C-alpha atoms as a PDB file:
ATOM      1  CA  MET A   1      72.611 130.406  48.285  1.00  0.00           C
ATOM      2  CA  GLY A   2      74.481 133.523  49.404  1.00  0.00           C
ATOM      3  CA  ALA A   3      73.563 132.323  52.956  1.00  0.00           C
ATOM      4  CA  ARG A   4      75.000 129.113  52.239  1.00  0.00           C
ATOM      5  CA  ARG A   5      78.338 130.598  51.126  1.00  0.00           C
ATOM      6  CA  GLY A   6      78.331 132.665  54.394  1.00  0.00           C
ATOM      7  CA  ILE A   7      77.839 129.587  56.505  1.00  0.00           C
ATOM      8  CA  LEU A   8      80.560 127.732  54.919  1.00  0.00           C
ATOM      9  CA  ILE A   9      82.934 130.624  55.324  1.00  0.00           C
ATOM     10  CA  ALA A  10      81.810 130.846  58.970  1.00  0.00           C
ATOM     11  CA  LEU A  11      82.711 127.166  59.511  1.00  0.00           C
ATOM     12  CA  GLY A  12      85.909 127.646  58.024  1.00  0.00           C
ATOM     13  CA  GLU A  13      85.286 125.793  54.882  1.00  0.00           C
ATOM     14  CA  GLY A  14      86.840 126.580  51.488  1.00  0.00           C
ATOM     15  CA  VAL A  15      84.442 128.325  48.811  1.00  0.00           C
ATOM     16  CA  TYR A  16      85.919 128.858  45.314  1.00  0.00           C
ATOM     17  CA  THR A  17      84.887 130.444  42.005  1.00  0.00           C
ATOM     18  CA  VAL A  18      85.855 128.823  38.788  1.00  0.00           C
ATOM     19  CA  PRO A  19      88.630 131.371  38.284  1.00  0.00           C
ATOM     20  CA  GLU A  20      90.005 130.872  41.854  1.00  0.00           C
ATOM     21  CA  VAL A  21      90.232 127.006  41.164  1.00  0.00           C
ATOM     22  CA  ALA A  22      92.064 127.730  37.930  1.00  0.00           C
ATOM     23  CA  ARG A  23      94.464 130.235  39.512  1.00  0.00           C
ATOM     24  CA  ILE A  24      95.264 127.834  42.425  1.00  0.00           C
ATOM     25  CA  LEU A  25      95.855 124.941  39.920  1.00  0.00           C
ATOM     26  CA  GLN A  26      97.700 126.924  37.399  1.00  0.00           C
ATOM     27  CA  PRO A  27      99.735 126.625  35.034  1.00  0.00           C
ATOM     28  CA  THR A  28      98.088 123.389  33.728  1.00  0.00           C
ATOM     29  CA  MET A  29      94.445 124.405  34.500  1.00  0.00           C
ATOM     30  CA  ASN A  30      92.165 127.218  33.101  1.00  0.00           C
ATOM     31  CA  VAL A  31      88.550 128.402  33.460  1.00  0.00           C
ATOM     32  CA  TYR A  32      87.440 126.740  30.371  1.00  0.00           C
ATOM     33  CA  LYS A  33      88.479 123.191  31.608  1.00  0.00           C
ATOM     34  CA  VAL A  34      86.854 123.775  34.933  1.00  0.00           C
ATOM     35  CA  ARG A  35      83.606 125.034  33.520  1.00  0.00           C
ATOM     36  CA  TYR A  36      83.579 122.100  30.933  1.00  0.00           C
ATOM     37  CA  TRP A  37      84.186 119.445  33.691  1.00  0.00           C
ATOM     38  CA  LEU A  38      81.417 121.078  35.841  1.00  0.00           C
ATOM     39  CA  ASN A  39      79.000 121.052  33.023  1.00  0.00           C
ATOM     40  CA  LYS A  40      79.807 117.464  32.195  1.00  0.00           C
ATOM     41  CA  GLY A  41      78.754 116.488  35.809  1.00  0.00           C
ATOM     42  CA  LEU A  42      82.480 115.333  36.598  1.00  0.00           C
ATOM     43  CA  LEU A  43      82.674 117.572  39.729  1.00  0.00           C
ATOM     44  CA  GLY A  44      79.312 116.855  41.066  1.00  0.00           C
ATOM     45  CA  LYS A  45      76.702 119.576  42.051  1.00  0.00           C
ATOM     46  CA  PRO A  46      78.298 122.971  42.941  1.00  0.00           C
ATOM     47  CA  ILE A  47      77.457 124.774  46.231  1.00  0.00           C
ATOM     48  CA  ARG A  48      75.835 127.286  43.855  1.00  0.00           C
ATOM     49  CA  ARG A  49      75.357 127.275  40.132  1.00  0.00           C
ATOM     50  CA  GLY A  50      75.980 130.447  38.628  1.00  0.00           C
ATOM     51  CA  SER A  51      74.186 132.603  36.218  1.00  0.00           C
ATOM     52  CA  ARG A  52      74.893 135.893  34.577  1.00  0.00           C
ATOM     53  CA  GLY A  53      76.537 138.135  37.183  1.00  0.00           C
ATOM     54  CA  ARG A  54      76.519 135.158  39.558  1.00  0.00           C
ATOM     55  CA  PRO A  55      79.636 133.050  39.690  1.00  0.00           C
ATOM     56  CA  HIS A  56      79.714 129.355  40.256  1.00  0.00           C
ATOM     57  CA  LEU A  57      80.696 128.640  43.800  1.00  0.00           C
ATOM     58  CA  LEU A  58      82.745 125.285  44.293  1.00  0.00           C
ATOM     59  CA  SER A  59      83.784 123.369  47.417  1.00  0.00           C
ATOM     60  CA  PHE A  60      87.036 122.308  48.540  1.00  0.00           C
ATOM     61  CA  GLU A  61      86.283 118.805  47.414  1.00  0.00           C
ATOM     62  CA  GLN A  62      85.608 119.973  43.836  1.00  0.00           C
ATOM     63  CA  LEU A  63      88.914 121.948  43.822  1.00  0.00           C
ATOM     64  CA  LEU A  64      90.434 118.499  44.587  1.00  0.00           C
ATOM     65  CA  LYS A  65      88.513 116.602  42.007  1.00  0.00           C
ATOM     66  CA  VAL A  66      89.599 119.170  39.376  1.00  0.00           C
ATOM     67  CA  ARG A  67      93.284 118.533  40.178  1.00  0.00           C
ATOM     68  CA  THR A  68      92.734 114.837  40.415  1.00  0.00           C
ATOM     69  CA  ILE A  69      91.075 114.702  36.929  1.00  0.00           C
ATOM     70  CA  GLN A  70      93.912 116.852  35.458  1.00  0.00           C
ATOM     71  CA  ASP A  71      96.476 114.615  36.941  1.00  0.00           C
ATOM     72  CA  PHE A  72      94.733 111.293  35.749  1.00  0.00           C
ATOM     73  CA  ARG A  73      94.436 112.867  32.123  1.00  0.00           C
ATOM     74  CA  GLU A  74      98.096 113.828  32.089  1.00  0.00           C
ATOM     75  CA  THR A  75      99.137 110.416  33.387  1.00  0.00           C
ATOM     76  CA  LEU A  76      96.847 108.374  30.916  1.00  0.00           C
ATOM     77  CA  LYS A  77      97.408 110.679  28.157  1.00  0.00           C
ATOM     78  CA  LEU A  78      94.103 109.881  26.602  1.00  0.00           C
ATOM     79  CA  PRO A  79      91.312 112.203  25.221  1.00  0.00           C
ATOM     80  CA  LEU A  80      88.679 113.306  27.731  1.00  0.00           C
ATOM     81  CA  GLN A  81      85.916 111.820  25.623  1.00  0.00           C
ATOM     82  CA  ARG A  82      87.395 108.437  26.106  1.00  0.00           C
ATOM     83  CA  VAL A  83      88.136 108.458  29.626  1.00  0.00           C
ATOM     84  CA  THR A  84      85.149 110.534  31.001  1.00  0.00           C
ATOM     85  CA  PRO A  85      83.384 107.498  32.485  1.00  0.00           C
ATOM     86  CA  ALA A  86      86.389 106.090  34.164  1.00  0.00           C
ATOM     87  CA  ILE A  87      87.471 109.612  35.251  1.00  0.00           C
ATOM     88  CA  ALA A  88      83.970 110.276  36.848  1.00  0.00           C
ATOM     89  CA  LYS A  89      84.450 107.287  39.134  1.00  0.00           C
ATOM     90  CA  LEU A  90      88.217 107.598  39.628  1.00  0.00           C
ATOM     91  CA  SER A  91      87.939 111.118  40.820  1.00  0.00           C
ATOM     92  CA  ASP A  92      85.509 109.799  43.540  1.00  0.00           C
ATOM     93  CA  ILE A  93      87.694 107.080  44.856  1.00  0.00           C
ATOM     94  CA  PRO A  94      90.015 109.071  47.271  1.00  0.00           C
ATOM     95  CA  PHE A  95      86.844 110.512  49.022  1.00  0.00           C
ATOM     96  CA  ALA A  96      85.164 107.089  49.399  1.00  0.00           C
ATOM     97  CA  GLY A  97      85.033 105.486  52.860  1.00  0.00           C
ATOM     98  CA  LYS A  98      87.032 102.436  51.612  1.00  0.00           C
ATOM     99  CA  ASP A  99      90.638 101.394  52.196  1.00  0.00           C
ATOM    100  CA  TRP A 100      91.890 103.835  49.394  1.00  0.00           C
ATOM    101  CA  HIS A 101      95.493 103.204  50.223  1.00  0.00           C
ATOM    102  CA  LYS A 102      95.059  99.495  49.199  1.00  0.00           C
ATOM    103  CA  LEU A 103      93.942 100.407  45.734  1.00  0.00           C
ATOM    104  CA  SER A 104      95.840  99.247  42.679  1.00  0.00           C
ATOM    105  CA  PHE A 105      95.173 100.800  39.181  1.00  0.00           C
ATOM    106  CA  PHE A 106      95.969  99.087  35.967  1.00  0.00           C
ATOM    107  CA  ARG A 107      95.284  99.018  32.116  1.00  0.00           C
ATOM    108  CA  THR A 108      92.950  96.184  30.833  1.00  0.00           C
ATOM    109  CA  GLU A 109      93.641  94.458  27.438  1.00  0.00           C
ATOM    110  CA  GLU A 110      91.239  96.902  25.834  1.00  0.00           C
ATOM    111  CA  GLY A 111      93.216  99.947  27.166  1.00  0.00           C
ATOM    112  CA  ARG A 112      90.640 100.781  29.669  1.00  0.00           C
ATOM    113  CA  ILE A 113      91.258 101.502  33.413  1.00  0.00           C
ATOM    114  CA  GLY A 114      90.789  98.935  36.176  1.00  0.00           C
ATOM    115  CA  VAL A 115      91.224  98.923  39.881  1.00  0.00           C
ATOM    116  CA  SER A 116      91.870  96.282  42.510  1.00  0.00           C
ATOM    117  CA  ASP A 117      89.914  96.896  45.545  1.00  0.00           C
ATOM    118  CA  ASN A 118      89.973  94.342  48.520  1.00  0.00           C
ATOM    119  CA  GLY A 119      90.506  91.278  46.322  1.00  0.00           C
ATOM    120  CA  HIS A 120      88.031  92.476  43.650  1.00  0.00           C
ATOM    121  CA  THR A 121      89.510  93.441  40.263  1.00  0.00           C
ATOM    122  CA  TYR A 122      87.210  95.133  37.971  1.00  0.00           C
ATOM    123  CA  GLU A 123      87.099  97.649  34.939  1.00  0.00           C
ATOM    124  CA  VAL A 124      86.064 101.199  36.318  1.00  0.00           C
ATOM    125  CA  GLU A 125      83.767 102.040  33.454  1.00  0.00           C
ATOM    126  CA  THR A 126      81.725  98.785  33.140  1.00  0.00           C
ATOM    127  CA  GLU A 127      82.506  97.387  36.775  1.00  0.00           C
ATOM    128  CA  GLN A 128      83.034  94.094  34.959  1.00  0.00           C
ATOM    129  CA  LEU A 129      85.423  91.770  36.799  1.00  0.00           C
ATOM    130  CA  VAL A 130      88.810  91.425  34.729  1.00  0.00           C
ATOM    131  CA  ILE A 131      92.262  90.193  34.952  1.00  0.00           C
ATOM    132  CA  PRO A 132      94.757  93.072  35.453  1.00  0.00           C
ATOM    133  CA  GLU A 133      97.403  93.865  32.882  1.00  0.00           C
ATOM    134  CA  ALA A 134      99.819  96.662  33.286  1.00  0.00           C
ATOM    135  CA  VAL A 135      99.824  98.205  36.779  1.00  0.00           C
ATOM    136  CA  LEU A 136      99.566 101.952  37.092  1.00  0.00           C
ATOM    137  CA  PRO A 137     101.365 103.081  40.200  1.00  0.00           C
ATOM    138  CA  GLU A 138     101.049 106.634  39.040  1.00  0.00           C
ATOM    139  CA  LEU A 139      97.141 106.553  39.523  1.00  0.00           C
ATOM    140  CA  GLU A 140      97.723 105.135  43.299  1.00  0.00           C
ATOM    141  CA  ASP A 141     100.083 108.062  43.736  1.00  0.00           C
ATOM    142  CA  ILE A 142      97.468 110.454  42.549  1.00  0.00           C
ATOM    143  CA  ALA A 143      94.830 109.005  44.672  1.00  0.00           C
ATOM    144  CA  ARG A 144      97.067 109.026  47.803  1.00  0.00           C
ATOM    145  CA  GLU A 145      97.988 112.551  47.397  1.00  0.00           C
ATOM    146  CA  THR A 146      94.300 113.519  46.830  1.00  0.00           C
ATOM    147  CA  ARG A 147      93.225 111.587  49.987  1.00  0.00           C
ATOM    148  CA  ARG A 148      96.048 113.225  52.100  1.00  0.00           C
ATOM    149  CA  ASP A 149      95.062 116.839  50.983  1.00  0.00           C
ATOM    150  CA  TRP A 150      91.290 116.007  51.449  1.00  0.00           C
ATOM    151  CA  ALA A 151      92.109 114.743  55.216  1.00  0.00           C
ATOM    152  CA  ARG A 152      94.079 117.843  56.015  1.00  0.00           C
ATOM    153  CA  GLY A 153      92.216 120.336  54.070  1.00  0.00           C
ATOM    154  CA  VAL A 154      95.213 121.798  52.221  1.00  0.00           C
ATOM    155  CA  VAL A 155      96.269 122.039  48.678  1.00  0.00           C
ATOM    156  CA  ASP A 156      99.941 122.780  47.994  1.00  0.00           C
ATOM    157  CA  ILE A 157     100.550 125.125  45.214  1.00  0.00           C
ATOM    158  CA  ARG A 158     102.657 123.374  42.916  1.00  0.00           C
ATOM    159  CA  LYS A 159     105.959 125.055  41.999  1.00  0.00           C
ATOM    160  CA  TYR A 160     105.514 127.443  44.813  1.00  0.00           C
ATOM    161  CA  SER A 161     106.676 125.602  47.841  1.00  0.00           C
ATOM    162  CA  ARG A 162     105.767 128.618  50.193  1.00  0.00           C
ATOM    163  CA  LEU A 163     102.327 128.923  49.079  1.00  0.00           C
ATOM    164  CA  VAL A 164      99.072 126.960  49.990  1.00  0.00           C
ATOM    165  CA  SER A 165      95.295 127.024  49.693  1.00  0.00           C
ATOM    166  CA  ASN A 166      93.955 126.128  53.097  1.00  0.00           C
ATOM    167  CA  SER A 167      90.295 125.562  53.111  1.00  0.00           C
ATOM    168  CA  LYS A 168      90.190 126.540  56.763  1.00  0.00           C
ATOM    169  CA  VAL A 169      91.981 129.906  56.248  1.00  0.00           C
ATOM    170  CA  VAL A 170      90.582 132.889  54.547  1.00  0.00           C
ATOM    171  CA  ALA A 171      87.979 130.633  52.827  1.00  0.00           C
ATOM    172  CA  GLY A 172      90.648 128.785  50.839  1.00  0.00           C
ATOM    173  CA  SER A 173      92.267 131.930  49.153  1.00  0.00           C
ATOM    174  CA  PRO A 174      96.006 131.332  48.334  1.00  0.00           C
ATOM    175  CA  THR A 175      98.072 132.288  51.261  1.00  0.00           C
ATOM    176  CA  ILE A 176     101.773 132.274  52.306  1.00  0.00           C
ATOM    177  CA  ARG A 177     102.226 128.912  54.087  1.00  0.00           C
ATOM    178  CA  GLU A 178     101.538 128.975  57.983  1.00  0.00           C
ATOM    179  CA  THR A 179     100.208 132.510  57.888  1.00  0.00           C
ATOM    180  CA  ARG A 180      96.818 134.082  56.984  1.00  0.00           C
ATOM    181  CA  LEU A 181      98.436 136.548  54.581  1.00  0.00           C
ATOM    182  CA  GLU A 182      96.899 136.190  51.136  1.00  0.00           C
ATOM    183  CA  THR A 183      99.195 136.155  48.005  1.00  0.00           C
ATOM    184  CA  SER A 184      96.947 138.791  46.363  1.00  0.00           C
ATOM    185  CA  PHE A 185      97.605 141.302  49.158  1.00  0.00           C
ATOM    186  CA  ILE A 186     101.329 140.664  49.468  1.00  0.00           C
ATOM    187  CA  ALA A 187     101.640 141.029  45.754  1.00  0.00           C
ATOM    188  CA  TYR A 188      99.759 144.323  45.940  1.00  0.00           C
ATOM    189  CA  VAL A 189     102.292 145.570  48.588  1.00  0.00           C
ATOM    190  CA  VAL A 190     105.083 144.524  46.545  1.00  0.00           C
ATOM    191  CA  LYS A 191     103.702 146.452  43.545  1.00  0.00           C
ATOM    192  CA  ARG A 192     103.303 149.442  45.596  1.00  0.00           C
ATOM    193  CA  GLU A 193     106.263 149.480  47.744  1.00  0.00           C
ATOM    194  CA  GLY A 194     108.780 146.879  46.406  1.00  0.00           C
ATOM    195  CA  VAL A 195     110.126 143.591  47.948  1.00  0.00           C
ATOM    196  CA  LYS A 196     112.465 145.311  50.476  1.00  0.00           C
ATOM    197  CA  ARG A 197     109.796 147.568  52.020  1.00  0.00           C
ATOM    198  CA  THR A 198     107.363 144.640  52.127  1.00  0.00           C
ATOM    199  CA  LEU A 199     109.993 142.655  54.153  1.00  0.00           C
ATOM    200  CA  GLU A 200     110.294 145.640  56.485  1.00  0.00           C
ATOM    201  CA  MET A 201     106.562 145.989  56.970  1.00  0.00           C
ATOM    202  CA  TYR A 202     106.254 142.106  57.527  1.00  0.00           C
ATOM    203  CA  PRO A 203     109.558 141.080  59.128  1.00  0.00           C
ATOM    204  CA  TYR A 204     108.265 137.597  60.064  1.00  0.00           C
ATOM    205  CA  LEU A 205     108.240 136.869  56.196  1.00  0.00           C
ATOM    206  CA  ASP A 206     111.357 135.992  54.209  1.00  0.00           C
ATOM    207  CA  ARG A 207     112.287 137.204  50.701  1.00  0.00           C
ATOM    208  CA  GLU A 208     111.412 133.747  49.127  1.00  0.00           C
ATOM    209  CA  ALA A 209     107.846 133.833  50.421  1.00  0.00           C
ATOM    210  CA  VAL A 210     107.304 137.434  49.199  1.00  0.00           C
ATOM    211  CA  GLU A 211     108.740 136.789  45.869  1.00  0.00           C
ATOM    212  CA  GLN A 212     106.815 133.508  45.345  1.00  0.00           C
ATOM    213  CA  ALA A 213     103.545 135.474  46.182  1.00  0.00           C
ATOM    214  CA  ALA A 214     104.332 138.318  43.731  1.00  0.00           C
ATOM    215  CA  GLU A 215     105.326 135.908  40.914  1.00  0.00           C
ATOM    216  CA  PHE A 216     102.187 133.729  41.641  1.00  0.00           C
ATOM    217  CA  GLU A 217      99.934 136.706  41.178  1.00  0.00           C
ATOM    218  CA  GLY A 218     101.891 137.848  38.207  1.00  0.00           C
ATOM    219  CA  VAL A 219     103.458 141.040  39.736  1.00  0.00           C
ATOM    220  CA  PRO A 220     106.954 141.851  38.472  1.00  0.00           C
ATOM    221  CA  PHE A 221     109.649 142.682  41.046  1.00  0.00           C
ATOM    222  CA  ALA A 222     113.405 143.568  40.975  1.00  0.00           C
ATOM    223  CA  ALA A 223     115.725 140.662  41.790  1.00  0.00           C
END
């Protein structure tokens, strides 16, 4: 499996540990959620299943699935136990080879989740044909965002407009947008040298990008 990770990195694909996924999707994500969803089978088979001293290795698709599941849960505001079957299928929809942009989501009379797909309207959990009730455009927006990010291989780090996780740049480690500079490295420089000196060392960066990298990594800095 170590060779598998080496191949993925060589091909420019993102490879993520559970803590890295939680860090990229902060502040609403944590390692316990990611591990729980992985163990429940909601994320599919990892690149490498971990053991003591060997971390789980997840793909860029699984990073997106974690974000999608979290977004669905926050939108639906339902306990995970109730929506698990639906979430498992919903999180696959943006990656399927169908006209994902034509999908419509809704609640059924029983409060479950349904989807309209090319004229077929069915409940996600049972796949039974149903008549739609309240449309849920928020779920369409989530699927659209996931599919967009899947196509471009990039996840924007929310609340940090200058930071991204690009699956084709340094194996998906968070970086300053349009650079190969990892946020962890810039934060390290800021911690040792301060923001002003960091900007002198990297004149093509601006203060906002440097300060966002430091804040994202939890490194204090002078205003």
